[in-house]
N, C-alpha and C. Protein backbone atom coordinates (compact mmCIF):
# COMPACT_ATOMS: atom_id res chain seq x y z
N UNK A 1 12.07 52.46 6.63
CA UNK A 1 11.57 54.23 6.57
C UNK A 1 12.70 54.65 6.89
N UNK A 2 13.14 56.12 6.36
CA UNK A 2 13.40 56.77 6.69
C UNK A 2 12.60 58.30 7.20
N UNK A 3 12.73 58.96 8.21
CA UNK A 3 12.00 60.12 8.61
C UNK A 3 12.89 61.55 8.88
N UNK A 4 13.05 62.01 7.80
CA UNK A 4 13.91 63.08 8.24
C UNK A 4 13.52 64.30 8.98
N UNK A 5 13.99 64.74 9.89
CA UNK A 5 13.13 64.67 11.28
C UNK A 5 13.94 66.15 12.20
N UNK A 6 12.71 66.74 12.61
CA UNK A 6 13.07 67.72 13.88
C UNK A 6 12.60 68.06 15.23
N UNK A 7 13.05 67.35 15.89
CA UNK A 7 12.55 67.35 17.32
C UNK A 7 11.25 68.54 17.92
N UNK A 8 11.50 69.64 17.12
CA UNK A 8 10.92 70.89 17.71
C UNK A 8 9.80 71.02 16.55
N UNK A 9 9.68 70.39 15.58
CA UNK A 9 8.61 70.17 14.71
C UNK A 9 7.11 70.25 15.01
N UNK A 10 6.75 70.98 14.86
CA UNK A 10 4.91 69.93 15.20
C UNK A 10 4.39 69.46 13.88
N UNK A 11 5.05 69.94 13.03
CA UNK A 11 4.38 68.77 11.96
C UNK A 11 5.03 67.12 11.80
N UNK A 12 6.53 67.18 12.32
CA UNK A 12 6.73 66.38 12.45
C UNK A 12 6.35 65.51 13.62
N UNK A 13 5.90 66.04 14.71
CA UNK A 13 5.42 65.42 15.35
C UNK A 13 4.18 65.00 15.78
N UNK A 14 3.46 65.33 14.68
CA UNK A 14 1.93 64.25 13.86
C UNK A 14 2.51 62.98 13.79
N UNK A 15 3.22 63.20 12.79
CA UNK A 15 3.75 61.97 12.46
C UNK A 15 4.61 60.54 13.14
N UNK A 16 5.01 62.06 14.55
CA UNK A 16 6.07 60.54 15.78
C UNK A 16 4.56 60.51 16.22
N UNK A 17 3.25 61.15 16.47
CA UNK A 17 2.06 60.38 17.06
C UNK A 17 1.84 59.29 16.24
N UNK A 18 1.48 59.78 15.32
CA UNK A 18 1.07 58.17 14.40
C UNK A 18 1.55 56.88 14.19
N UNK A 19 2.52 57.29 14.24
CA UNK A 19 3.89 56.02 14.31
C UNK A 19 3.49 55.51 16.07
N UNK A 20 3.93 56.23 16.93
CA UNK A 20 3.27 55.71 18.38
C UNK A 20 1.88 54.72 18.20
N UNK A 21 0.98 55.91 17.83
CA UNK A 21 -0.25 55.33 17.75
C UNK A 21 -0.58 53.46 16.80
N UNK A 22 0.64 53.50 15.83
CA UNK A 22 -0.11 52.34 15.21
C UNK A 22 1.34 51.14 14.92
N UNK A 23 1.94 51.60 16.46
CA UNK A 23 2.88 50.28 16.80
C UNK A 23 3.93 50.63 15.12
N UNK A 24 4.11 51.43 14.80
CA UNK A 24 5.60 51.70 14.03
C UNK A 24 6.65 52.46 14.32
N UNK A 25 6.83 53.06 14.96
CA UNK A 25 7.64 54.10 15.49
C UNK A 25 8.96 53.21 15.09
N UNK A 26 9.26 52.12 16.14
CA UNK A 26 10.19 51.22 15.71
C UNK A 26 10.58 50.60 14.41
N UNK A 27 10.23 50.98 13.33
CA UNK A 27 10.28 50.29 11.90
C UNK A 27 10.74 52.01 11.26
N UNK A 28 11.13 52.67 11.79
CA UNK A 28 11.94 53.97 11.26
C UNK A 28 12.91 54.76 11.64
N UNK A 29 14.12 54.85 10.79
CA UNK A 29 14.94 55.60 11.16
C UNK A 29 14.76 56.80 11.27
N UNK A 30 15.30 57.91 12.24
CA UNK A 30 15.07 59.20 12.00
C UNK A 30 16.58 59.96 11.38
N UNK A 31 16.47 61.01 11.23
CA UNK A 31 17.33 61.21 10.63
C UNK A 31 17.36 63.28 10.32
N UNK A 32 18.07 63.57 11.63
CA UNK A 32 18.03 64.56 12.00
C UNK A 32 18.30 65.72 10.75
N UNK A 33 17.28 66.89 10.73
CA UNK A 33 17.00 67.51 9.43
C UNK A 33 17.14 69.19 9.54
N UNK A 34 18.05 69.61 9.25
CA UNK A 34 17.04 71.57 10.23
C UNK A 34 17.71 72.44 8.58
N UNK A 35 16.96 73.44 8.18
CA UNK A 35 17.50 74.46 7.37
C UNK A 35 16.35 75.82 7.99
N UNK A 36 16.22 76.74 6.76
CA UNK A 36 15.68 78.08 6.55
C UNK A 36 15.09 77.65 4.84
N UNK A 37 14.17 78.76 4.63
CA UNK A 37 14.36 79.19 3.38
C UNK A 37 15.78 80.15 2.74
N UNK A 38 16.64 80.82 4.23
CA UNK A 38 17.26 81.59 3.59
C UNK A 38 18.73 80.60 3.25
N UNK A 39 18.55 79.70 4.09
CA UNK A 39 19.60 78.81 4.12
C UNK A 39 19.06 77.14 4.71
N UNK A 40 19.07 76.22 2.97
CA UNK A 40 18.98 74.56 2.97
C UNK A 40 19.47 74.02 4.99
N UNK A 41 20.29 74.21 4.69
CA UNK A 41 21.28 73.62 6.10
C UNK A 41 21.04 71.70 5.57
N UNK A 42 20.41 71.19 6.15
CA UNK A 42 20.66 69.91 5.93
C UNK A 42 19.17 69.33 5.78
N UNK A 43 18.52 70.38 5.18
CA UNK A 43 17.21 70.00 4.60
C UNK A 43 17.11 68.76 3.47
N UNK A 44 16.25 68.05 3.25
CA UNK A 44 16.75 66.73 2.41
C UNK A 44 16.17 67.64 1.51
N UNK A 45 16.67 68.26 0.60
CA UNK A 45 16.67 68.89 -0.57
C UNK A 45 16.67 67.77 -2.00
N UNK A 46 17.00 66.74 -1.83
CA UNK A 46 17.32 65.79 -2.57
C UNK A 46 15.96 64.79 -2.82
N UNK A 47 15.55 64.74 -1.38
CA UNK A 47 14.24 63.48 -1.32
C UNK A 47 12.96 64.73 -1.72
N UNK A 48 13.14 65.74 -1.05
CA UNK A 48 11.94 66.90 -0.94
C UNK A 48 12.25 68.37 -1.70
N UNK A 49 12.22 68.41 -2.84
CA UNK A 49 12.51 69.96 -3.55
C UNK A 49 12.30 71.39 -2.30
N UNK A 50 11.59 70.75 -1.87
CA UNK A 50 10.60 72.39 -0.83
C UNK A 50 11.45 72.47 0.12
N UNK A 51 12.69 70.81 0.59
CA UNK A 51 13.41 71.54 1.62
C UNK A 51 12.38 71.47 3.12
N UNK A 52 11.37 70.61 3.10
CA UNK A 52 10.87 70.60 4.89
C UNK A 52 11.29 68.87 5.37
N UNK A 53 10.61 69.44 6.77
CA UNK A 53 10.27 68.44 7.46
C UNK A 53 8.62 67.96 7.72
N UNK A 54 8.23 66.65 7.70
CA UNK A 54 8.80 66.00 7.40
C UNK A 54 8.79 65.24 6.13
N UNK A 55 9.82 64.40 5.67
CA UNK A 55 9.56 63.69 4.64
C UNK A 55 9.91 62.14 5.15
N UNK A 56 9.33 61.37 4.63
CA UNK A 56 9.69 59.72 4.48
C UNK A 56 9.99 59.29 3.37
N UNK A 57 11.22 58.37 3.42
CA UNK A 57 11.17 57.60 2.31
C UNK A 57 10.70 56.52 2.86
N UNK A 58 10.44 55.98 1.70
CA UNK A 58 9.46 54.72 1.90
C UNK A 58 10.56 53.61 1.54
N UNK A 59 9.97 52.17 1.93
CA UNK A 59 10.98 51.22 1.79
C UNK A 59 10.69 50.78 0.47
N UNK A 60 9.45 51.40 -0.22
CA UNK A 60 9.19 50.61 -2.02
C UNK A 60 9.50 51.81 -2.80
N UNK A 61 10.34 52.63 -2.29
CA UNK A 61 10.44 53.62 -3.16
C UNK A 61 10.02 54.64 -3.13
N UNK A 62 10.73 56.29 -3.34
CA UNK A 62 9.61 57.13 -3.33
C UNK A 62 9.48 58.10 -2.19
N UNK A 63 9.82 59.33 -1.86
CA UNK A 63 9.59 59.87 -0.63
C UNK A 63 8.03 60.68 -0.67
N UNK A 64 7.46 60.80 0.56
CA UNK A 64 6.19 61.32 0.51
C UNK A 64 6.39 62.46 1.38
N UNK A 65 5.72 63.46 1.28
CA UNK A 65 5.82 64.59 2.05
C UNK A 65 4.47 65.43 1.89
N UNK A 66 3.85 66.20 2.10
CA UNK A 66 3.92 66.72 3.89
C UNK A 66 3.42 65.89 5.06
N UNK A 67 2.86 66.51 5.72
CA UNK A 67 2.84 65.67 6.92
C UNK A 67 1.37 65.13 7.25
N UNK A 68 0.49 65.88 5.83
CA UNK A 68 -0.87 65.32 5.58
C UNK A 68 -0.51 63.47 5.24
N UNK A 69 -0.02 64.12 3.72
CA UNK A 69 0.02 62.86 3.25
C UNK A 69 0.89 61.30 4.15
N UNK A 70 2.22 61.87 4.93
CA UNK A 70 2.70 60.88 5.23
C UNK A 70 1.83 60.49 6.53
N UNK A 71 1.26 61.12 7.17
CA UNK A 71 0.40 59.91 8.29
C UNK A 71 -0.93 59.47 7.47
N UNK A 72 -1.29 60.15 6.54
CA UNK A 72 -2.29 59.27 5.46
C UNK A 72 -1.47 57.84 5.34
N UNK A 73 -0.52 57.49 4.62
CA UNK A 73 0.27 56.61 3.98
C UNK A 73 0.40 55.81 5.60
N UNK A 74 0.98 55.91 6.76
CA UNK A 74 1.87 55.61 7.76
C UNK A 74 0.43 54.73 8.51
N UNK A 75 -1.02 55.65 8.47
CA UNK A 75 -2.30 54.90 9.42
C UNK A 75 -2.98 54.17 7.90
N UNK A 76 -3.08 53.99 6.98
CA UNK A 76 -2.82 53.27 5.93
C UNK A 76 -2.10 52.05 5.94
N UNK A 77 -0.99 52.03 6.17
CA UNK A 77 0.31 51.21 6.22
C UNK A 77 0.07 50.53 8.07
N UNK A 78 -0.29 50.45 8.67
CA UNK A 78 -0.75 50.05 9.90
C UNK A 78 -1.73 50.33 10.43
N UNK A 79 -3.15 49.95 9.70
CA UNK A 79 -4.32 49.51 9.98
C UNK A 79 -5.14 50.39 10.85
N UNK A 80 -4.47 52.12 11.01
CA UNK A 80 -4.92 53.07 12.98
C UNK A 80 -6.35 53.58 12.86
N UNK A 81 -6.57 53.47 11.33
CA UNK A 81 -8.17 54.03 11.56
C UNK A 81 -8.37 55.41 12.10
N UNK A 82 -7.31 55.96 11.96
CA UNK A 82 -7.94 57.28 12.15
C UNK A 82 -8.29 58.64 11.23
N UNK A 83 -8.66 57.68 10.12
CA UNK A 83 -9.22 58.63 9.13
C UNK A 83 -10.84 58.25 9.01
N UNK A 84 -12.00 58.26 9.70
CA UNK A 84 -12.85 57.84 9.60
C UNK A 84 -13.72 57.82 8.06
N UNK A 85 -14.80 56.94 8.04
CA UNK A 85 -15.43 56.71 6.75
C UNK A 85 -16.86 57.71 6.98
N UNK A 86 -17.41 57.72 5.96
CA UNK A 86 -18.65 58.47 6.17
C UNK A 86 -18.48 59.64 6.51
N UNK A 87 -20.11 60.41 6.99
CA UNK A 87 -19.88 61.90 7.19
C UNK A 87 -18.76 62.53 8.67
N UNK A 88 -18.20 61.03 8.88
CA UNK A 88 -17.40 61.67 9.89
C UNK A 88 -15.83 61.90 10.02
N UNK A 89 -15.82 61.48 8.44
CA UNK A 89 -14.25 62.09 7.77
C UNK A 89 -14.35 63.27 7.14
N UNK A 90 -15.17 63.60 7.27
CA UNK A 90 -15.13 65.32 6.54
C UNK A 90 -14.65 66.14 7.94
N UNK A 91 -15.77 66.11 8.75
CA UNK A 91 -14.99 66.42 9.86
C UNK A 91 -13.71 66.80 10.13
N UNK A 92 -13.31 64.78 10.33
CA UNK A 92 -12.12 65.06 10.46
C UNK A 92 -10.97 65.58 9.84
N UNK A 93 -10.92 65.46 8.84
CA UNK A 93 -9.70 66.12 7.54
C UNK A 93 -10.15 67.90 7.91
N UNK A 94 -10.93 68.25 7.82
CA UNK A 94 -11.28 69.95 8.27
C UNK A 94 -10.95 70.18 9.65
N UNK A 95 -11.12 68.96 10.59
CA UNK A 95 -10.13 69.82 11.47
C UNK A 95 -8.42 69.83 11.76
N UNK A 96 -8.27 68.57 11.44
CA UNK A 96 -6.45 68.82 10.50
C UNK A 96 -6.31 69.86 10.22
N UNK A 97 -7.10 70.57 8.66
CA UNK A 97 -6.12 71.57 7.81
C UNK A 97 -6.91 73.13 9.16
N UNK A 98 -7.80 72.73 10.04
CA UNK A 98 -7.41 73.67 10.66
C UNK A 98 -6.79 74.06 11.49
N UNK A 99 -6.02 72.70 12.55
CA UNK A 99 -5.01 72.63 13.21
C UNK A 99 -3.84 73.34 12.04
N UNK A 100 -3.76 72.80 10.60
CA UNK A 100 -2.70 72.76 10.43
C UNK A 100 -2.50 74.13 10.07
N UNK A 101 -3.49 75.27 9.78
CA UNK A 101 -3.48 76.11 9.30
C UNK A 101 -2.64 77.51 10.28
N UNK A 102 -3.80 77.13 11.35
CA UNK A 102 -2.72 77.41 13.00
C UNK A 102 -1.49 77.11 13.06
N UNK A 103 -0.82 76.21 12.74
CA UNK A 103 0.72 75.80 12.72
C UNK A 103 0.91 77.16 11.91
N UNK A 104 0.98 77.22 10.74
CA UNK A 104 1.28 77.89 9.43
C UNK A 104 1.23 79.24 10.25
N UNK A 105 0.24 79.80 10.56
CA UNK A 105 0.21 81.34 11.24
C UNK A 105 1.46 81.32 12.71
N UNK A 106 1.53 80.14 13.41
CA UNK A 106 1.93 80.09 13.97
C UNK A 106 3.71 80.25 13.86
N UNK A 107 4.68 79.76 12.73
CA UNK A 107 5.28 79.75 12.23
C UNK A 107 6.13 80.83 11.76
N UNK A 108 4.89 81.60 10.81
CA UNK A 108 5.72 82.52 10.06
C UNK A 108 6.05 83.72 11.41
N UNK A 109 4.81 83.88 12.12
CA UNK A 109 5.08 84.56 13.72
C UNK A 109 6.88 84.21 14.53
N UNK A 110 7.24 82.40 14.43
CA UNK A 110 8.40 82.70 14.26
C UNK A 110 9.30 83.01 13.69
N UNK A 111 8.53 82.87 12.59
CA UNK A 111 10.24 83.64 11.13
C UNK A 111 10.35 84.45 11.64
N UNK A 112 9.18 85.74 11.73
CA UNK A 112 9.40 86.84 11.28
C UNK A 112 10.55 87.19 12.32
N UNK A 113 10.40 86.63 13.95
CA UNK A 113 11.29 87.21 14.84
C UNK A 113 12.84 86.83 15.04
N UNK A 114 12.23 85.12 14.09
CA UNK A 114 14.07 84.18 13.82
C UNK A 114 15.10 85.03 12.45
N UNK A 115 13.95 85.65 11.72
CA UNK A 115 14.29 85.43 10.02
C UNK A 115 15.04 86.93 9.45
N UNK A 116 13.66 87.60 10.04
CA UNK A 116 13.57 88.96 9.50
C UNK A 116 14.70 89.98 10.43
N UNK A 117 15.80 90.70 9.69
CA UNK A 117 16.18 92.09 10.61
C UNK A 117 15.25 92.56 10.92
N UNK A 118 15.88 93.14 12.65
CA UNK A 118 14.93 93.67 13.50
C UNK A 118 14.10 95.20 13.19
N UNK A 119 14.57 95.35 12.43
CA UNK A 119 14.20 96.53 11.71
C UNK A 119 12.99 96.73 10.81
N UNK A 120 13.21 95.48 10.45
CA UNK A 120 11.88 95.16 9.20
C UNK A 120 11.08 94.68 9.10
N UNK A 121 10.55 94.23 10.84
CA UNK A 121 9.94 93.23 10.88
C UNK A 121 9.02 94.34 11.68
N UNK A 122 7.70 94.09 10.72
CA UNK A 122 6.06 94.50 11.13
C UNK A 122 5.11 93.85 11.97
N UNK A 123 5.35 94.25 13.04
CA UNK A 123 4.45 94.14 14.32
C UNK A 123 2.70 93.59 13.79
N UNK A 124 2.31 94.19 13.21
CA UNK A 124 1.14 94.00 13.07
C UNK A 124 0.43 92.95 11.97
N UNK A 125 1.78 92.82 11.05
CA UNK A 125 1.47 90.93 10.38
C UNK A 125 1.64 89.99 11.04
N UNK A 126 2.94 90.62 12.33
CA UNK A 126 2.54 89.29 13.20
C UNK A 126 1.11 89.18 13.95
N UNK A 127 0.24 90.62 14.91
CA UNK A 127 -0.64 90.40 15.29
C UNK A 127 -1.48 89.83 13.99
N UNK A 128 -1.95 89.78 12.81
CA UNK A 128 -2.40 89.60 12.24
C UNK A 128 -2.63 88.18 12.14
N UNK A 129 -1.43 87.59 12.05
CA UNK A 129 -1.08 86.22 12.41
C UNK A 129 -2.30 85.25 13.64
N UNK A 130 -1.71 86.11 14.46
CA UNK A 130 -1.97 85.87 15.71
C UNK A 130 -3.79 85.66 15.76
N UNK A 131 -4.22 86.68 14.92
CA UNK A 131 -5.88 86.71 14.89
C UNK A 131 -6.39 85.67 14.25
N UNK A 132 -5.85 85.31 13.61
CA UNK A 132 -6.49 84.02 12.60
C UNK A 132 -6.43 82.77 13.78
N UNK A 133 -5.35 82.88 14.46
CA UNK A 133 -4.79 81.50 15.60
C UNK A 133 -6.26 81.75 16.46
N UNK A 134 -6.39 82.72 17.14
CA UNK A 134 -7.34 82.90 18.51
C UNK A 134 -8.09 82.53 17.33
N UNK A 135 -9.01 83.49 16.21
CA UNK A 135 -10.35 82.76 16.16
C UNK A 135 -10.49 82.07 16.11
N UNK A 136 -9.55 81.03 14.90
CA UNK A 136 -9.71 79.08 14.94
C UNK A 136 -9.40 79.28 16.15
N UNK A 137 -9.50 79.27 17.72
CA UNK A 137 -8.79 78.95 18.86
C UNK A 137 -10.86 78.73 19.72
N UNK A 138 -11.20 80.35 19.36
CA UNK A 138 -12.44 80.55 19.65
C UNK A 138 -13.46 79.65 18.81
N UNK A 139 -13.31 79.03 17.54
CA UNK A 139 -14.71 78.58 16.85
C UNK A 139 -14.25 77.10 17.79
N UNK A 140 -13.21 76.51 17.60
CA UNK A 140 -13.03 75.31 18.30
C UNK A 140 -13.80 75.43 19.76
N UNK A 141 -13.87 76.63 20.77
CA UNK A 141 -14.17 76.27 21.79
C UNK A 141 -15.83 76.21 21.58
N UNK A 142 -16.28 76.92 20.38
CA UNK A 142 -17.68 77.35 20.69
C UNK A 142 -18.50 76.38 20.01
N UNK A 143 -17.65 75.24 19.05
CA UNK A 143 -18.35 74.55 17.84
C UNK A 143 -17.91 73.00 17.67
N UNK A 144 -17.19 73.00 18.63
CA UNK A 144 -15.55 72.04 18.00
C UNK A 144 -15.89 70.64 19.52
N UNK A 145 -16.12 71.67 20.45
CA UNK A 145 -16.55 70.18 21.87
C UNK A 145 -16.97 68.85 21.48
N UNK A 146 -18.02 69.03 21.52
CA UNK A 146 -18.58 67.69 21.25
C UNK A 146 -18.15 66.55 20.35
N UNK A 147 -17.45 67.05 19.09
CA UNK A 147 -16.84 66.50 18.29
C UNK A 147 -15.69 65.42 18.60
N UNK A 148 -14.18 66.68 19.20
CA UNK A 148 -13.64 66.10 20.13
C UNK A 148 -13.69 64.95 21.74
N UNK A 149 -14.66 64.86 21.63
CA UNK A 149 -15.49 63.84 23.08
C UNK A 149 -15.51 62.76 22.22
N UNK A 150 -14.99 62.37 20.84
CA UNK A 150 -15.23 61.55 19.95
C UNK A 150 -14.05 60.40 20.14
N UNK A 151 -13.91 59.37 18.91
CA UNK A 151 -13.29 58.61 19.32
C UNK A 151 -11.74 59.94 18.20
N UNK A 152 -10.92 59.02 18.46
CA UNK A 152 -9.38 59.52 19.07
C UNK A 152 -9.39 59.68 17.02
N UNK A 153 -9.17 60.80 15.89
CA UNK A 153 -8.92 61.29 14.69
C UNK A 153 -7.93 61.40 14.44
N UNK A 154 -7.52 61.96 13.25
CA UNK A 154 -6.09 62.84 12.74
C UNK A 154 -6.27 64.27 13.14
N UNK A 155 -8.08 64.39 13.04
CA UNK A 155 -7.88 65.65 13.07
C UNK A 155 -7.38 66.34 14.26
N UNK A 156 -7.97 65.35 15.25
CA UNK A 156 -7.44 66.17 17.01
C UNK A 156 -6.03 64.93 17.33
N UNK A 157 -5.52 64.81 16.43
CA UNK A 157 -3.81 64.62 16.52
C UNK A 157 -3.06 65.35 16.34
N UNK A 158 -3.84 66.29 14.93
CA UNK A 158 -2.89 67.64 14.24
C UNK A 158 -3.65 68.79 15.79
N UNK A 159 -5.15 68.88 16.26
CA UNK A 159 -4.86 69.83 16.59
C UNK A 159 -4.29 69.80 18.52
N UNK A 160 -4.22 68.24 19.04
CA UNK A 160 -3.00 68.71 20.07
C UNK A 160 -1.71 69.05 19.73
N UNK A 161 -0.89 68.51 18.65
CA UNK A 161 0.32 69.25 18.27
C UNK A 161 -0.07 70.50 18.02
N UNK A 162 -1.09 71.13 16.92
CA UNK A 162 -1.01 72.76 17.72
C UNK A 162 -0.83 73.03 18.96
N UNK A 163 -1.80 73.12 19.25
CA UNK A 163 -1.81 73.42 21.21
C UNK A 163 -0.32 73.52 21.79
N UNK A 164 0.23 71.83 21.89
CA UNK A 164 1.34 72.09 22.43
C UNK A 164 2.14 73.07 21.49
N UNK A 165 2.31 73.53 20.35
CA UNK A 165 3.23 74.42 19.26
C UNK A 165 3.13 75.36 20.37
N UNK A 166 1.73 76.17 20.31
CA UNK A 166 1.54 77.43 20.90
C UNK A 166 1.85 77.64 22.13
N UNK A 167 2.11 76.29 23.09
CA UNK A 167 2.43 76.80 24.37
C UNK A 167 4.26 76.77 23.99
N UNK A 168 4.97 75.28 23.38
CA UNK A 168 6.24 75.73 23.18
C UNK A 168 6.50 77.03 23.02
N UNK A 169 6.09 77.88 21.62
CA UNK A 169 6.86 78.97 21.26
C UNK A 169 5.76 80.54 21.42
N UNK A 170 4.22 80.24 21.40
CA UNK A 170 4.15 81.64 22.31
C UNK A 170 2.96 80.84 23.54
N UNK A 171 3.59 80.97 24.53
CA UNK A 171 3.13 80.37 25.55
C UNK A 171 2.56 81.84 26.33
N UNK A 172 3.44 82.76 25.89
CA UNK A 172 3.14 84.19 26.44
C UNK A 172 2.11 84.89 26.43
N UNK A 173 1.19 83.99 24.97
CA UNK A 173 0.30 84.73 24.54
C UNK A 173 -1.47 84.06 25.69
N UNK A 174 -1.14 83.06 26.14
CA UNK A 174 -2.04 82.20 26.79
C UNK A 174 -3.20 82.06 26.01
N UNK A 175 -3.28 81.11 25.20
CA UNK A 175 -4.68 80.81 24.27
C UNK A 175 -5.56 79.99 24.67
N UNK A 176 -4.90 79.62 26.03
CA UNK A 176 -6.27 78.44 27.27
C UNK A 176 -7.14 80.24 27.65
N UNK A 177 -7.22 81.11 28.26
CA UNK A 177 -7.77 82.33 28.25
C UNK A 177 -9.46 82.31 27.84
N UNK A 178 -10.46 81.89 28.46
CA UNK A 178 -11.57 81.69 27.80
C UNK A 178 -11.87 81.20 27.54
N UNK A 179 -11.07 79.87 27.39
CA UNK A 179 -11.79 78.76 26.05
C UNK A 179 -11.48 77.22 27.24
N UNK A 180 -11.60 77.40 28.38
CA UNK A 180 -11.87 76.27 29.49
C UNK A 180 -11.79 74.67 28.68
N UNK A 181 -13.32 74.56 28.04
CA UNK A 181 -13.49 73.43 27.46
C UNK A 181 -12.14 72.89 26.53
N UNK A 182 -11.61 73.78 25.97
CA UNK A 182 -10.57 73.33 24.87
C UNK A 182 -9.30 73.07 25.74
N UNK A 183 -9.21 74.11 26.48
CA UNK A 183 -8.21 73.60 27.62
C UNK A 183 -7.80 72.18 27.92
N UNK A 184 -9.35 71.98 28.73
CA UNK A 184 -9.23 70.33 29.03
C UNK A 184 -9.08 69.44 28.35
N UNK A 185 -9.68 69.86 27.68
CA UNK A 185 -9.08 68.81 26.51
C UNK A 185 -7.98 68.32 25.94
N UNK A 186 -7.43 69.79 25.32
CA UNK A 186 -5.98 69.62 25.09
C UNK A 186 -5.21 69.01 26.32
N UNK A 187 -5.39 69.42 27.54
CA UNK A 187 -4.56 68.77 29.05
C UNK A 187 -5.06 67.45 29.24
N UNK A 188 -6.42 66.85 28.47
CA UNK A 188 -6.15 65.60 28.62
C UNK A 188 -5.42 64.53 27.55
N UNK A 189 -5.64 65.11 26.29
CA UNK A 189 -5.28 64.72 25.23
C UNK A 189 -3.06 64.15 25.37
N UNK A 190 -2.67 65.25 25.91
CA UNK A 190 -1.37 65.52 26.19
C UNK A 190 -0.72 64.68 27.11
N UNK A 191 -2.09 63.68 27.98
CA UNK A 191 -1.27 62.72 29.20
C UNK A 191 -1.09 61.83 27.99
N UNK A 192 -1.99 60.97 26.75
CA UNK A 192 -1.85 59.93 26.12
C UNK A 192 -0.40 59.58 25.82
N UNK A 193 -0.30 58.77 25.97
CA UNK A 193 1.22 58.06 25.66
C UNK A 193 2.49 58.81 24.70
N UNK A 194 1.26 58.80 23.77
CA UNK A 194 2.25 59.00 21.61
C UNK A 194 1.97 60.71 22.32
N UNK A 195 1.48 61.04 22.55
CA UNK A 195 1.65 62.87 22.95
C UNK A 195 2.61 63.21 23.86
N UNK A 196 2.72 62.02 24.70
CA UNK A 196 3.52 62.16 25.64
C UNK A 196 5.06 62.35 25.07
N UNK A 197 5.63 60.91 24.87
CA UNK A 197 6.47 60.38 24.29
C UNK A 197 6.57 61.59 22.93
N UNK A 198 6.06 62.56 22.53
CA UNK A 198 6.58 63.10 21.37
C UNK A 198 6.90 64.82 21.85
N UNK A 199 6.59 65.52 22.87
CA UNK A 199 6.41 66.79 23.16
C UNK A 199 8.10 67.09 22.80
N UNK A 200 7.96 68.43 22.64
CA UNK A 200 8.92 69.79 22.58
C UNK A 200 9.83 69.26 23.06
N UNK A 201 11.28 69.32 22.95
CA UNK A 201 12.66 69.60 24.17
C UNK A 201 12.11 70.65 24.92
N UNK A 202 12.35 70.34 26.22
CA UNK A 202 12.38 72.48 26.39
C UNK A 202 11.40 72.65 27.58
């Protein structure tokens, strides 16, 4: 397999965590790829017309994207069991969607500062993205802690990567404030070998 990869992408990190957890990390060649909506750079546009990472080329042919599809494929291939059956599956994939939504908002904040000319930046829009993240964090603290104490699933992996990205790119916002239960859970999971091995550089 070949994984088009950026070490700072939280979506790539999700895939890498699943690779580590399922014992498949040595079966993947990492291909550095980067770009933006303004300049595709080395993004894998031939394999994925959206030009995004992660994109996974499979030995049986055909590329997979985005991270949710790739993680599900790798879980099935490696028999990881990170997608529960029964009622718990809906919580797992809802938590994954919530975590990915937080990442979407966090990335939009980064792009606003990195790509848009300074004179055109709109701070209320940035704060609106953070408001989405803050509401999600508050809900996680209020309602999700019992679920987070259960067996590791794709939702928990996604959330751990999302929290890591908030610390990496938006550390000054102090997402932990007032969310002691979630902060403690995130700190514990960050020590897991698959998360420690895939932490963003720097």
